[in-house]
Amino acid sequence: MYKIPTHTFGEAIEAVKKGARITRLGWNGNGHWIELGRCFSYINAKNESVTLGKFSTSKALMFVGDKEIRIGWLASQDDILAEDWVIDMD
């Protein structure tokens, strides 16, 4: 039987900084992962499009799910203490 190598949260975050996608074995649902995002665009309250350029230093962790993307994902206590993080460097 093939065992998926798992990692700590710290190891997973270091991998995200290098371009990896990370996920947890303990999460419900397939096709969910975290990755690093930058160069954000949004519509403000005046209905104006605002884009932070590609040279912006703004970065955020992005949760990508099967039906949504959340900007600025925050880890729970359970996520931080978990040792079932999977790193995908592809």
C-alpha atoms as a PDB file:
ATOM      1  CA  MET A   1       0.000   0.000   0.000  1.00  0.00           C
ATOM      2  CA  TYR A   2       1.327   3.470  -0.953  1.00  0.00           C
ATOM      3  CA  LYS A   3       1.535   5.931   1.933  1.00  0.00           C
ATOM      4  CA  ILE A   4       1.222   9.637   1.158  1.00  0.00           C
ATOM      5  CA  PRO A   5       4.063  11.551   2.838  1.00  0.00           C
ATOM      6  CA  THR A   6       2.690  14.157   5.228  1.00  0.00           C
ATOM      7  CA  HIS A   7       4.213  17.276   6.750  1.00  0.00           C
ATOM      8  CA  THR A   8       3.820  19.773   9.560  1.00  0.00           C
ATOM      9  CA  PHE A   9       2.167  23.146   9.040  1.00  0.00           C
ATOM     10  CA  GLY A  10       5.566  24.880   9.134  1.00  0.00           C
ATOM     11  CA  GLU A  11       6.922  22.641   6.379  1.00  0.00           C
ATOM     12  CA  ALA A  12       3.777  23.208   4.321  1.00  0.00           C
ATOM     13  CA  ILE A  13       3.976  27.017   4.643  1.00  0.00           C
ATOM     14  CA  GLU A  14       7.628  27.009   3.560  1.00  0.00           C
ATOM     15  CA  ALA A  15       6.617  24.978   0.500  1.00  0.00           C
ATOM     16  CA  VAL A  16       3.799  27.456  -0.337  1.00  0.00           C
ATOM     17  CA  LYS A  17       6.355  30.276  -0.346  1.00  0.00           C
ATOM     18  CA  LYS A  18       8.250  28.301  -3.016  1.00  0.00           C
ATOM     19  CA  GLY A  19       5.173  27.852  -5.216  1.00  0.00           C
ATOM     20  CA  ALA A  20       3.608  24.627  -3.932  1.00  0.00           C
ATOM     21  CA  ARG A  21      -0.052  23.876  -3.348  1.00  0.00           C
ATOM     22  CA  ILE A  22      -0.854  22.361   0.029  1.00  0.00           C
ATOM     23  CA  THR A  23      -3.803  20.451   1.393  1.00  0.00           C
ATOM     24  CA  ARG A  24      -4.669  18.342   4.427  1.00  0.00           C
ATOM     25  CA  LEU A  25      -5.650  14.706   4.508  1.00  0.00           C
ATOM     26  CA  GLY A  26      -8.056  15.622   7.330  1.00  0.00           C
ATOM     27  CA  TRP A  27     -10.090  18.074   5.241  1.00  0.00           C
ATOM     28  CA  ASN A  28     -13.539  17.074   4.039  1.00  0.00           C
ATOM     29  CA  GLY A  29     -13.904  17.182   0.293  1.00  0.00           C
ATOM     30  CA  ASN A  30     -11.500  16.629  -2.545  1.00  0.00           C
ATOM     31  CA  GLY A  31     -10.078  19.341  -4.730  1.00  0.00           C
ATOM     32  CA  HIS A  32      -9.375  21.849  -1.942  1.00  0.00           C
ATOM     33  CA  TRP A  33      -5.966  23.414  -1.549  1.00  0.00           C
ATOM     34  CA  ILE A  34      -4.032  26.478  -0.373  1.00  0.00           C
ATOM     35  CA  GLU A  35      -1.644  28.445  -2.564  1.00  0.00           C
ATOM     36  CA  LEU A  36       0.060  31.835  -2.473  1.00  0.00           C
ATOM     37  CA  GLY A  37      -1.628  34.632  -4.397  1.00  0.00           C
ATOM     38  CA  ARG A  38      -0.650  38.164  -5.403  1.00  0.00           C
ATOM     39  CA  CYS A  39      -1.601  40.830  -7.961  1.00  0.00           C
ATOM     40  CA  PHE A  40      -5.180  41.144  -6.739  1.00  0.00           C
ATOM     41  CA  SER A  41      -8.055  42.908  -8.470  1.00  0.00           C
ATOM     42  CA  TYR A  42     -11.363  43.893  -6.943  1.00  0.00           C
ATOM     43  CA  ILE A  43     -14.395  46.165  -7.398  1.00  0.00           C
ATOM     44  CA  ASN A  44     -14.669  48.870  -4.717  1.00  0.00           C
ATOM     45  CA  ALA A  45     -17.825  50.469  -3.249  1.00  0.00           C
ATOM     46  CA  LYS A  46     -17.882  53.028  -6.103  1.00  0.00           C
ATOM     47  CA  ASN A  47     -17.983  50.141  -8.623  1.00  0.00           C
ATOM     48  CA  GLU A  48     -14.438  50.959  -9.754  1.00  0.00           C
ATOM     49  CA  SER A  49     -11.982  48.247 -10.702  1.00  0.00           C
ATOM     50  CA  VAL A  50      -8.825  48.347  -8.590  1.00  0.00           C
ATOM     51  CA  THR A  51      -5.786  46.239  -9.476  1.00  0.00           C
ATOM     52  CA  LEU A  52      -2.671  45.789  -7.404  1.00  0.00           C
ATOM     53  CA  GLY A  53       0.038  45.490 -10.033  1.00  0.00           C
ATOM     54  CA  LYS A  54       2.368  42.572 -10.589  1.00  0.00           C
ATOM     55  CA  PHE A  55       5.112  44.432  -8.727  1.00  0.00           C
ATOM     56  CA  SER A  56       2.961  44.831  -5.623  1.00  0.00           C
ATOM     57  CA  THR A  57       4.344  43.268  -2.464  1.00  0.00           C
ATOM     58  CA  SER A  58       0.833  42.299  -1.343  1.00  0.00           C
ATOM     59  CA  LYS A  59       0.487  38.539  -0.915  1.00  0.00           C
ATOM     60  CA  ALA A  60      -2.153  36.321   0.631  1.00  0.00           C
ATOM     61  CA  LEU A  61      -2.897  32.670   1.176  1.00  0.00           C
ATOM     62  CA  MET A  62      -5.668  31.580  -1.186  1.00  0.00           C
ATOM     63  CA  PHE A  63      -8.107  28.771  -0.394  1.00  0.00           C
ATOM     64  CA  VAL A  64      -9.184  27.151  -3.648  1.00  0.00           C
ATOM     65  CA  GLY A  65     -12.211  24.886  -3.412  1.00  0.00           C
ATOM     66  CA  ASP A  66     -14.445  23.136  -5.862  1.00  0.00           C
ATOM     67  CA  LYS A  67     -16.859  26.088  -6.036  1.00  0.00           C
ATOM     68  CA  GLU A  68     -15.013  29.059  -4.563  1.00  0.00           C
ATOM     69  CA  ILE A  69     -11.768  30.884  -3.977  1.00  0.00           C
ATOM     70  CA  ARG A  70     -11.194  32.705  -0.690  1.00  0.00           C
ATOM     71  CA  ILE A  71      -8.543  35.386  -0.449  1.00  0.00           C
ATOM     72  CA  GLY A  72      -6.710  35.615   2.856  1.00  0.00           C
ATOM     73  CA  TRP A  73      -7.289  32.087   4.200  1.00  0.00           C
ATOM     74  CA  LEU A  74      -6.528  31.818   7.917  1.00  0.00           C
ATOM     75  CA  ALA A  75      -5.356  28.604   9.559  1.00  0.00           C
ATOM     76  CA  SER A  76      -7.298  27.243  12.512  1.00  0.00           C
ATOM     77  CA  GLN A  77      -5.633  25.876  15.654  1.00  0.00           C
ATOM     78  CA  ASP A  78      -6.301  22.394  14.280  1.00  0.00           C
ATOM     79  CA  ASP A  79      -4.605  23.286  10.957  1.00  0.00           C
ATOM     80  CA  ILE A  80      -1.552  24.741  12.708  1.00  0.00           C
ATOM     81  CA  LEU A  81      -1.062  21.706  14.954  1.00  0.00           C
ATOM     82  CA  ALA A  82      -1.853  19.097  12.270  1.00  0.00           C
ATOM     83  CA  GLU A  83       0.814  16.845  10.809  1.00  0.00           C
ATOM     84  CA  ASP A  84      -1.218  15.617   7.846  1.00  0.00           C
ATOM     85  CA  TRP A  85      -0.306  18.368   5.354  1.00  0.00           C
ATOM     86  CA  VAL A  86       0.369  17.206   1.803  1.00  0.00           C
ATOM     87  CA  ILE A  87       2.670  19.245  -0.436  1.00  0.00           C
ATOM     88  CA  ASP A  88       2.180  19.321  -4.218  1.00  0.00           C
ATOM     89  CA  MET A  89       5.131  20.938  -5.989  1.00  0.00           C
ATOM     90  CA  ASP A  90       3.742  20.359  -9.521  1.00  0.00           C
END
